[in-house]
Amino acid sequence: MTTVRKHIDEIPTMSEERAKEVEAMSDEDIDYSDIPSLNEEFFKNAKLVKRKPKTEQISIRIDTEVLEWFRTHAKEKGYQTLINDVLRTYVKHNS
């Protein structure tokens, strides 16, 4: 098996039409035949690969109400990561 690595910017965006097709699929419609089953041997050798984005520490002024919204809505991630994700999404869709 070969590992293929792609940068997030190299992965094409899914079309709205394809997204609707995928959303409408039932679990029974998904073809898993080309995916090997994962056994204990696989997990003994598996390694977690985390993306290490290049980040830069900055100082920025944000409205108190906006900052409180992000702090309140950040669940799994910290509020700074959530702010970064929102900004990344904005940039991606407006480039």
PDB file of N, CA and C in Angstrom:
ATOM      1  N   MET A   1       0.840  -1.171   0.000  1.00  0.00           N
ATOM      2  CA  MET A   1       0.000   0.000   0.000  1.00  0.00           C
ATOM      3  C   MET A   1       0.889   1.240   0.000  1.00  0.00           C
ATOM      4  N   THR A   2       0.527   2.242  -0.769  1.00  0.00           N
ATOM      5  CA  THR A   2       1.288   3.468  -0.866  1.00  0.00           C
ATOM      6  C   THR A   2       0.514   4.609  -0.222  1.00  0.00           C
ATOM      7  N   THR A   3       1.213   5.463   0.493  1.00  0.00           N
ATOM      8  CA  THR A   3       0.580   6.632   1.087  1.00  0.00           C
ATOM      9  C   THR A   3       0.681   7.783   0.105  1.00  0.00           C
ATOM     10  N   VAL A   4      -0.446   8.397  -0.176  1.00  0.00           N
ATOM     11  CA  VAL A   4      -0.480   9.561  -1.053  1.00  0.00           C
ATOM     12  C   VAL A   4      -0.792  10.765  -0.186  1.00  0.00           C
ATOM     13  N   ARG A   5       0.071  11.735  -0.227  1.00  0.00           N
ATOM     14  CA  ARG A   5      -0.135  12.936   0.582  1.00  0.00           C
ATOM     15  C   ARG A   5      -0.534  14.085  -0.330  1.00  0.00           C
ATOM     16  N   LYS A   6      -1.556  14.803   0.083  1.00  0.00           N
ATOM     17  CA  LYS A   6      -2.028  15.967  -0.656  1.00  0.00           C
ATOM     18  C   LYS A   6      -2.141  17.131   0.303  1.00  0.00           C
ATOM     19  N   HIS A   7      -1.797  18.292  -0.161  1.00  0.00           N
ATOM     20  CA  HIS A   7      -2.034  19.507   0.611  1.00  0.00           C
ATOM     21  C   HIS A   7      -3.511  19.837   0.461  1.00  0.00           C
ATOM     22  N   ILE A   8      -4.099  20.423   1.470  1.00  0.00           N
ATOM     23  CA  ILE A   8      -5.530  20.728   1.461  1.00  0.00           C
ATOM     24  C   ILE A   8      -5.930  21.539   0.224  1.00  0.00           C
ATOM     25  N   ASP A   9      -5.027  22.378  -0.267  1.00  0.00           N
ATOM     26  CA  ASP A   9      -5.334  23.199  -1.441  1.00  0.00           C
ATOM     27  C   ASP A   9      -5.335  22.397  -2.733  1.00  0.00           C
ATOM     28  N   GLU A  10      -4.793  21.173  -2.712  1.00  0.00           N
ATOM     29  CA  GLU A  10      -4.731  20.330  -3.900  1.00  0.00           C
ATOM     30  C   GLU A  10      -5.982  19.462  -4.073  1.00  0.00           C
ATOM     31  N   ILE A  11      -6.833  19.432  -3.054  1.00  0.00           N
ATOM     32  CA  ILE A  11      -8.032  18.600  -3.109  1.00  0.00           C
ATOM     33  C   ILE A  11      -9.158  19.429  -3.720  1.00  0.00           C
ATOM     34  N   PRO A  12      -9.708  18.978  -4.851  1.00  0.00           N
ATOM     35  CA  PRO A  12     -10.751  19.776  -5.497  1.00  0.00           C
ATOM     36  C   PRO A  12     -12.016  19.841  -4.637  1.00  0.00           C
ATOM     37  N   THR A  13     -12.725  20.945  -4.735  1.00  0.00           N
ATOM     38  CA  THR A  13     -13.973  21.127  -4.011  1.00  0.00           C
ATOM     39  C   THR A  13     -15.050  20.247  -4.635  1.00  0.00           C
ATOM     40  N   MET A  14     -15.863  19.637  -3.803  1.00  0.00           N
ATOM     41  CA  MET A  14     -16.949  18.793  -4.292  1.00  0.00           C
ATOM     42  C   MET A  14     -18.050  19.687  -4.871  1.00  0.00           C
ATOM     43  N   SER A  15     -18.573  19.299  -6.029  1.00  0.00           N
ATOM     44  CA  SER A  15     -19.646  20.081  -6.642  1.00  0.00           C
ATOM     45  C   SER A  15     -20.921  19.952  -5.814  1.00  0.00           C
ATOM     46  N   GLU A  16     -21.803  20.921  -5.934  1.00  0.00           N
ATOM     47  CA  GLU A  16     -23.069  20.866  -5.201  1.00  0.00           C
ATOM     48  C   GLU A  16     -23.879  19.645  -5.621  1.00  0.00           C
ATOM     49  N   GLU A  17     -23.841  19.342  -6.918  1.00  0.00           N
ATOM     50  CA  GLU A  17     -24.579  18.184  -7.431  1.00  0.00           C
ATOM     51  C   GLU A  17     -24.074  16.891  -6.789  1.00  0.00           C
ATOM     52  N   ARG A  18     -22.743  16.719  -6.730  1.00  0.00           N
ATOM     53  CA  ARG A  18     -22.163  15.505  -6.136  1.00  0.00           C
ATOM     54  C   ARG A  18     -22.448  15.448  -4.639  1.00  0.00           C
ATOM     55  N   ALA A  19     -22.405  16.587  -3.982  1.00  0.00           N
ATOM     56  CA  ALA A  19     -22.690  16.631  -2.548  1.00  0.00           C
ATOM     57  C   ALA A  19     -24.126  16.168  -2.285  1.00  0.00           C
ATOM     58  N   LYS A  20     -25.052  16.561  -3.126  1.00  0.00           N
ATOM     59  CA  LYS A  20     -26.450  16.136  -2.971  1.00  0.00           C
ATOM     60  C   LYS A  20     -26.581  14.635  -3.204  1.00  0.00           C
ATOM     61  N   GLU A  21     -25.847  14.107  -4.204  1.00  0.00           N
ATOM     62  CA  GLU A  21     -25.877  12.663  -4.473  1.00  0.00           C
ATOM     63  C   GLU A  21     -25.371  11.885  -3.265  1.00  0.00           C
ATOM     64  N   VAL A  22     -24.271  12.321  -2.713  1.00  0.00           N
ATOM     65  CA  VAL A  22     -23.671  11.639  -1.563  1.00  0.00           C
ATOM     66  C   VAL A  22     -24.612  11.720  -0.359  1.00  0.00           C
ATOM     67  N   GLU A  23     -25.183  12.870  -0.143  1.00  0.00           N
ATOM     68  CA  GLU A  23     -26.098  13.065   0.988  1.00  0.00           C
ATOM     69  C   GLU A  23     -27.318  12.150   0.882  1.00  0.00           C
ATOM     70  N   ALA A  24     -27.778  11.901  -0.353  1.00  0.00           N
ATOM     71  CA  ALA A  24     -28.968  11.081  -0.574  1.00  0.00           C
ATOM     72  C   ALA A  24     -28.683   9.584  -0.476  1.00  0.00           C
ATOM     73  N   MET A  25     -27.408   9.178  -0.493  1.00  0.00           N
ATOM     74  CA  MET A  25     -27.062   7.755  -0.441  1.00  0.00           C
ATOM     75  C   MET A  25     -27.390   7.149   0.918  1.00  0.00           C
ATOM     76  N   SER A  26     -27.847   5.923   0.886  1.00  0.00           N
ATOM     77  CA  SER A  26     -28.008   5.188   2.141  1.00  0.00           C
ATOM     78  C   SER A  26     -26.708   4.424   2.395  1.00  0.00           C
ATOM     79  N   ASP A  27     -26.540   3.926   3.600  1.00  0.00           N
ATOM     80  CA  ASP A  27     -25.335   3.158   3.926  1.00  0.00           C
ATOM     81  C   ASP A  27     -25.205   1.929   3.035  1.00  0.00           C
ATOM     82  N   GLU A  28     -26.326   1.351   2.672  1.00  0.00           N
ATOM     83  CA  GLU A  28     -26.317   0.154   1.831  1.00  0.00           C
ATOM     84  C   GLU A  28     -25.823   0.442   0.411  1.00  0.00           C
ATOM     85  N   ASP A  29     -25.909   1.699  -0.027  1.00  0.00           N
ATOM     86  CA  ASP A  29     -25.479   2.072  -1.374  1.00  0.00           C
ATOM     87  C   ASP A  29     -23.963   2.265  -1.495  1.00  0.00           C
ATOM     88  N   ILE A  30     -23.280   2.306  -0.376  1.00  0.00           N
ATOM     89  CA  ILE A  30     -21.843   2.573  -0.395  1.00  0.00           C
ATOM     90  C   ILE A  30     -21.082   1.280  -0.667  1.00  0.00           C
ATOM     91  N   ASP A  31     -20.186   1.327  -1.648  1.00  0.00           N
ATOM     92  CA  ASP A  31     -19.389   0.157  -2.034  1.00  0.00           C
ATOM     93  C   ASP A  31     -18.073   0.170  -1.266  1.00  0.00           C
ATOM     94  N   TYR A  32     -17.925  -0.759  -0.354  1.00  0.00           N
ATOM     95  CA  TYR A  32     -16.717  -0.872   0.468  1.00  0.00           C
ATOM     96  C   TYR A  32     -15.780  -1.964  -0.034  1.00  0.00           C
ATOM     97  N   SER A  33     -16.067  -2.563  -1.184  1.00  0.00           N
ATOM     98  CA  SER A  33     -15.340  -3.748  -1.629  1.00  0.00           C
ATOM     99  C   SER A  33     -13.843  -3.517  -1.846  1.00  0.00           C
ATOM    100  N   ASP A  34     -13.427  -2.298  -2.145  1.00  0.00           N
ATOM    101  CA  ASP A  34     -12.011  -2.057  -2.395  1.00  0.00           C
ATOM    102  C   ASP A  34     -11.270  -1.558  -1.149  1.00  0.00           C
ATOM    103  N   ILE A  35     -11.939  -1.577  -0.012  1.00  0.00           N
ATOM    104  CA  ILE A  35     -11.325  -1.115   1.225  1.00  0.00           C
ATOM    105  C   ILE A  35     -10.989  -2.330   2.092  1.00  0.00           C
ATOM    106  N   PRO A  36      -9.715  -2.539   2.406  1.00  0.00           N
ATOM    107  CA  PRO A  36      -9.378  -3.693   3.236  1.00  0.00           C
ATOM    108  C   PRO A  36      -9.910  -3.509   4.658  1.00  0.00           C
ATOM    109  N   SER A  37     -10.278  -4.608   5.294  1.00  0.00           N
ATOM    110  CA  SER A  37     -10.745  -4.501   6.671  1.00  0.00           C
ATOM    111  C   SER A  37      -9.564  -4.181   7.578  1.00  0.00           C
ATOM    112  N   LEU A  38      -9.834  -3.457   8.619  1.00  0.00           N
ATOM    113  CA  LEU A  38      -8.792  -3.030   9.545  1.00  0.00           C
ATOM    114  C   LEU A  38      -8.798  -3.965  10.747  1.00  0.00           C
ATOM    115  N   ASN A  39      -7.713  -4.709  10.892  1.00  0.00           N
ATOM    116  CA  ASN A  39      -7.613  -5.647  12.000  1.00  0.00           C
ATOM    117  C   ASN A  39      -6.627  -5.120  13.039  1.00  0.00           C
ATOM    118  N   GLU A  40      -6.402  -5.905  14.080  1.00  0.00           N
ATOM    119  CA  GLU A  40      -5.501  -5.456  15.150  1.00  0.00           C
ATOM    120  C   GLU A  40      -4.072  -5.244  14.657  1.00  0.00           C
ATOM    121  N   GLU A  41      -3.653  -6.023  13.688  1.00  0.00           N
ATOM    122  CA  GLU A  41      -2.306  -5.872  13.123  1.00  0.00           C
ATOM    123  C   GLU A  41      -2.146  -4.489  12.494  1.00  0.00           C
ATOM    124  N   PHE A  42      -3.195  -4.052  11.791  1.00  0.00           N
ATOM    125  CA  PHE A  42      -3.155  -2.720  11.180  1.00  0.00           C
ATOM    126  C   PHE A  42      -2.945  -1.656  12.255  1.00  0.00           C
ATOM    127  N   PHE A  43      -3.717  -1.741  13.340  1.00  0.00           N
ATOM    128  CA  PHE A  43      -3.649  -0.711  14.366  1.00  0.00           C
ATOM    129  C   PHE A  43      -2.353  -0.765  15.176  1.00  0.00           C
ATOM    130  N   LYS A  44      -1.687  -1.910  15.212  1.00  0.00           N
ATOM    131  CA  LYS A  44      -0.384  -2.001  15.885  1.00  0.00           C
ATOM    132  C   LYS A  44       0.650  -1.140  15.158  1.00  0.00           C
ATOM    133  N   ASN A  45       0.525  -1.056  13.840  1.00  0.00           N
ATOM    134  CA  ASN A  45       1.496  -0.310  13.034  1.00  0.00           C
ATOM    135  C   ASN A  45       1.019   1.083  12.634  1.00  0.00           C
ATOM    136  N   ALA A  46      -0.224   1.407  12.969  1.00  0.00           N
ATOM    137  CA  ALA A  46      -0.796   2.691  12.554  1.00  0.00           C
ATOM    138  C   ALA A  46      -0.154   3.841  13.319  1.00  0.00           C
ATOM    139  N   LYS A  47       0.004   4.953  12.636  1.00  0.00           N
ATOM    140  CA  LYS A  47       0.552   6.154  13.259  1.00  0.00           C
ATOM    141  C   LYS A  47      -0.412   7.302  13.001  1.00  0.00           C
ATOM    142  N   LEU A  48      -0.664   8.089  14.027  1.00  0.00           N
ATOM    143  CA  LEU A  48      -1.512   9.260  13.885  1.00  0.00           C
ATOM    144  C   LEU A  48      -0.709  10.354  13.197  1.00  0.00           C
ATOM    145  N   VAL A  49      -1.246  10.884  12.116  1.00  0.00           N
ATOM    146  CA  VAL A  49      -0.584  11.961  11.386  1.00  0.00           C
ATOM    147  C   VAL A  49      -1.430  13.212  11.545  1.00  0.00           C
ATOM    148  N   LYS A  50      -0.879  14.180  12.224  1.00  0.00           N
ATOM    149  CA  LYS A  50      -1.591  15.439  12.419  1.00  0.00           C
ATOM    150  C   LYS A  50      -1.011  16.486  11.488  1.00  0.00           C
ATOM    151  N   ARG A  51      -1.889  17.293  10.939  1.00  0.00           N
ATOM    152  CA  ARG A  51      -1.456  18.391  10.085  1.00  0.00           C
ATOM    153  C   ARG A  51      -0.816  19.445  10.978  1.00  0.00           C
ATOM    154  N   LYS A  52       0.335  19.892  10.568  1.00  0.00           N
ATOM    155  CA  LYS A  52       1.012  20.932  11.328  1.00  0.00           C
ATOM    156  C   LYS A  52       1.016  22.199  10.479  1.00  0.00           C
ATOM    157  N   PRO A  53      -0.065  22.962  10.585  1.00  0.00           N
ATOM    158  CA  PRO A  53      -0.122  24.160   9.752  1.00  0.00           C
ATOM    159  C   PRO A  53       0.905  25.191  10.209  1.00  0.00           C
ATOM    160  N   LYS A  54       1.367  25.942   9.262  1.00  0.00           N
ATOM    161  CA  LYS A  54       2.282  27.033   9.580  1.00  0.00           C
ATOM    162  C   LYS A  54       1.423  28.161  10.136  1.00  0.00           C
ATOM    163  N   THR A  55       1.648  28.519  11.357  1.00  0.00           N
ATOM    164  CA  THR A  55       0.868  29.591  11.978  1.00  0.00           C
ATOM    165  C   THR A  55       1.805  30.701  12.420  1.00  0.00           C
ATOM    166  N   GLU A  56       1.202  31.815  12.686  1.00  0.00           N
ATOM    167  CA  GLU A  56       1.974  32.971  13.131  1.00  0.00           C
ATOM    168  C   GLU A  56       1.224  33.638  14.274  1.00  0.00           C
ATOM    169  N   GLN A  57       1.924  33.916  15.332  1.00  0.00           N
ATOM    170  CA  GLN A  57       1.303  34.572  16.469  1.00  0.00           C
ATOM    171  C   GLN A  57       1.201  36.066  16.177  1.00  0.00           C
ATOM    172  N   ILE A  58      -0.018  36.604  16.375  1.00  0.00           N
ATOM    173  CA  ILE A  58      -0.241  38.030  16.147  1.00  0.00           C
ATOM    174  C   ILE A  58      -1.055  38.600  17.305  1.00  0.00           C
ATOM    175  N   SER A  59      -1.162  39.882  17.318  1.00  0.00           N
ATOM    176  CA  SER A  59      -2.048  40.571  18.254  1.00  0.00           C
ATOM    177  C   SER A  59      -3.106  41.266  17.410  1.00  0.00           C
ATOM    178  N   ILE A  60      -4.375  41.078  17.752  1.00  0.00           N
ATOM    179  CA  ILE A  60      -5.459  41.640  16.957  1.00  0.00           C
ATOM    180  C   ILE A  60      -6.561  42.124  17.898  1.00  0.00           C
ATOM    181  N   ARG A  61      -7.195  43.209  17.518  1.00  0.00           N
ATOM    182  CA  ARG A  61      -8.304  43.724  18.321  1.00  0.00           C
ATOM    183  C   ARG A  61      -9.612  43.238  17.691  1.00  0.00           C
ATOM    184  N   ILE A  62     -10.440  42.605  18.533  1.00  0.00           N
ATOM    185  CA  ILE A  62     -11.718  42.067  18.098  1.00  0.00           C
ATOM    186  C   ILE A  62     -12.787  42.601  19.035  1.00  0.00           C
ATOM    187  N   ASP A  63     -13.946  42.935  18.471  1.00  0.00           N
ATOM    188  CA  ASP A  63     -15.050  43.414  19.303  1.00  0.00           C
ATOM    189  C   ASP A  63     -15.329  42.413  20.418  1.00  0.00           C
ATOM    190  N   THR A  64     -15.592  42.913  21.606  1.00  0.00           N
ATOM    191  CA  THR A  64     -15.844  42.061  22.763  1.00  0.00           C
ATOM    192  C   THR A  64     -16.967  41.064  22.500  1.00  0.00           C
ATOM    193  N   GLU A  65     -18.050  41.525  21.883  1.00  0.00           N
ATOM    194  CA  GLU A  65     -19.198  40.649  21.616  1.00  0.00           C
ATOM    195  C   GLU A  65     -18.819  39.519  20.654  1.00  0.00           C
ATOM    196  N   VAL A  66     -17.998  39.840  19.660  1.00  0.00           N
ATOM    197  CA  VAL A  66     -17.562  38.833  18.689  1.00  0.00           C
ATOM    198  C   VAL A  66     -16.683  37.805  19.384  1.00  0.00           C
ATOM    199  N   LEU A  67     -15.746  38.274  20.176  1.00  0.00           N
ATOM    200  CA  LEU A  67     -14.850  37.380  20.903  1.00  0.00           C
ATOM    201  C   LEU A  67     -15.631  36.474  21.844  1.00  0.00           C
ATOM    202  N   GLU A  68     -16.610  37.006  22.555  1.00  0.00           N
ATOM    203  CA  GLU A  68     -17.437  36.200  23.452  1.00  0.00           C
ATOM    204  C   GLU A  68     -18.218  35.143  22.682  1.00  0.00           C
ATOM    205  N   TRP A  69     -18.686  35.498  21.479  1.00  0.00           N
ATOM    206  CA  TRP A  69     -19.425  34.520  20.656  1.00  0.00           C
ATOM    207  C   TRP A  69     -18.515  33.332  20.331  1.00  0.00           C
ATOM    208  N   PHE A  70     -17.289  33.621  19.910  1.00  0.00           N
ATOM    209  CA  PHE A  70     -16.360  32.532  19.568  1.00  0.00           C
ATOM    210  C   PHE A  70     -16.010  31.708  20.808  1.00  0.00           C
ATOM    211  N   ARG A  71     -15.799  32.353  21.925  1.00  0.00           N
ATOM    212  CA  ARG A  71     -15.487  31.611  23.154  1.00  0.00           C
ATOM    213  C   ARG A  71     -16.648  30.705  23.563  1.00  0.00           C
ATOM    214  N   THR A  72     -17.864  31.193  23.384  1.00  0.00           N
ATOM    215  CA  THR A  72     -19.058  30.419  23.740  1.00  0.00           C
ATOM    216  C   THR A  72     -19.282  29.252  22.794  1.00  0.00           C
ATOM    217  N   HIS A  73     -19.004  29.448  21.502  1.00  0.00           N
ATOM    218  CA  HIS A  73     -19.314  28.434  20.495  1.00  0.00           C
ATOM    219  C   HIS A  73     -18.177  27.458  20.209  1.00  0.00           C
ATOM    220  N   ALA A  74     -17.013  27.706  20.735  1.00  0.00           N
ATOM    221  CA  ALA A  74     -15.886  26.780  20.530  1.00  0.00           C
ATOM    222  C   ALA A  74     -16.123  25.569  21.418  1.00  0.00           C
ATOM    223  N   LYS A  75     -16.345  24.426  20.802  1.00  0.00           N
ATOM    224  CA  LYS A  75     -16.646  23.205  21.563  1.00  0.00           C
ATOM    225  C   LYS A  75     -15.396  22.334  21.676  1.00  0.00           C
ATOM    226  N   GLU A  76     -15.072  21.601  20.601  1.00  0.00           N
ATOM    227  CA  GLU A  76     -13.944  20.667  20.628  1.00  0.00           C
ATOM    228  C   GLU A  76     -12.611  21.395  20.549  1.00  0.00           C
ATOM    229  N   LYS A  77     -12.602  22.507  19.842  1.00  0.00           N
ATOM    230  CA  LYS A  77     -11.359  23.248  19.630  1.00  0.00           C
ATOM    231  C   LYS A  77     -11.400  24.510  20.484  1.00  0.00           C
ATOM    232  N   GLY A  78     -10.268  25.135  20.611  1.00  0.00           N
ATOM    233  CA  GLY A  78     -10.230  26.408  21.302  1.00  0.00           C
ATOM    234  C   GLY A  78     -10.824  27.508  20.432  1.00  0.00           C
ATOM    235  N   TYR A  79     -11.173  28.606  21.043  1.00  0.00           N
ATOM    236  CA  TYR A  79     -11.814  29.683  20.302  1.00  0.00           C
ATOM    237  C   TYR A  79     -10.885  30.285  19.244  1.00  0.00           C
ATOM    238  N   GLN A  80      -9.565  30.303  19.496  1.00  0.00           N
ATOM    239  CA  GLN A  80      -8.648  30.843  18.493  1.00  0.00           C
ATOM    240  C   GLN A  80      -8.607  29.961  17.256  1.00  0.00           C
ATOM    241  N   THR A  81      -8.679  28.650  17.448  1.00  0.00           N
ATOM    242  CA  THR A  81      -8.723  27.724  16.318  1.00  0.00           C
ATOM    243  C   THR A  81     -10.015  27.916  15.542  1.00  0.00           C
ATOM    244  N   LEU A  82     -11.109  28.114  16.246  1.00  0.00           N
ATOM    245  CA  LEU A  82     -12.393  28.355  15.578  1.00  0.00           C
ATOM    246  C   LEU A  82     -12.342  29.642  14.754  1.00  0.00           C
ATOM    247  N   ILE A  83     -11.775  30.691  15.293  1.00  0.00           N
ATOM    248  CA  ILE A  83     -11.626  31.947  14.540  1.00  0.00           C
ATOM    249  C   ILE A  83     -10.789  31.693  13.289  1.00  0.00           C
ATOM    250  N   ASN A  84      -9.685  30.963  13.427  1.00  0.00           N
ATOM    251  CA  ASN A  84      -8.832  30.661  12.283  1.00  0.00           C
ATOM    252  C   ASN A  84      -9.595  29.857  11.235  1.00  0.00           C
ATOM    253  N   ASP A  85     -10.384  28.854  11.663  1.00  0.00           N
ATOM    254  CA  ASP A  85     -11.153  28.035  10.729  1.00  0.00           C
ATOM    255  C   ASP A  85     -12.180  28.871   9.965  1.00  0.00           C
ATOM    256  N   VAL A  86     -12.835  29.788  10.655  1.00  0.00           N
ATOM    257  CA  VAL A  86     -13.817  30.667  10.002  1.00  0.00           C
ATOM    258  C   VAL A  86     -13.109  31.557   8.983  1.00  0.00           C
ATOM    259  N   LEU A  87     -11.984  32.120   9.352  1.00  0.00           N
ATOM    260  CA  LEU A  87     -11.239  32.975   8.423  1.00  0.00           C
ATOM    261  C   LEU A  87     -10.716  32.175   7.234  1.00  0.00           C
ATOM    262  N   ARG A  88     -10.229  30.940   7.481  1.00  0.00           N
ATOM    263  CA  ARG A  88      -9.737  30.080   6.396  1.00  0.00           C
ATOM    264  C   ARG A  88     -10.863  29.773   5.409  1.00  0.00           C
ATOM    265  N   THR A  89     -12.046  29.462   5.931  1.00  0.00           N
ATOM    266  CA  THR A  89     -13.202  29.168   5.076  1.00  0.00           C
ATOM    267  C   THR A  89     -13.566  30.393   4.242  1.00  0.00           C
ATOM    268  N   TYR A  90     -13.560  31.555   4.862  1.00  0.00           N
ATOM    269  CA  TYR A  90     -13.870  32.783   4.142  1.00  0.00           C
ATOM    270  C   TYR A  90     -12.872  32.996   2.988  1.00  0.00           C
ATOM    271  N   VAL A  91     -11.599  32.867   3.302  1.00  0.00           N
ATOM    272  CA  VAL A  91     -10.550  33.072   2.288  1.00  0.00           C
ATOM    273  C   VAL A  91     -10.704  32.067   1.159  1.00  0.00           C
ATOM    274  N   LYS A  92     -10.935  30.797   1.496  1.00  0.00           N
ATOM    275  CA  LYS A  92     -11.061  29.753   0.487  1.00  0.00           C
ATOM    276  C   LYS A  92     -12.211  30.030  -0.478  1.00  0.00           C
ATOM    277  N   HIS A  93     -13.311  30.501   0.052  1.00  0.00           N
ATOM    278  CA  HIS A  93     -14.500  30.730  -0.775  1.00  0.00           C
ATOM    279  C   HIS A  93     -14.529  32.104  -1.445  1.00  0.00           C
ATOM    280  N   ASN A  94     -13.574  32.931  -1.130  1.00  0.00           N
ATOM    281  CA  ASN A  94     -13.530  34.256  -1.736  1.00  0.00           C
ATOM    282  C   ASN A  94     -12.246  34.514  -2.504  1.00  0.00           C
ATOM    283  N   SER A  95     -11.529  33.452  -2.806  1.00  0.00           N
ATOM    284  CA  SER A  95     -10.271  33.603  -3.575  1.00  0.00           C
ATOM    285  C   SER A  95     -10.516  33.499  -5.051  1.00  0.00           C
TER     286      SER A  95
END
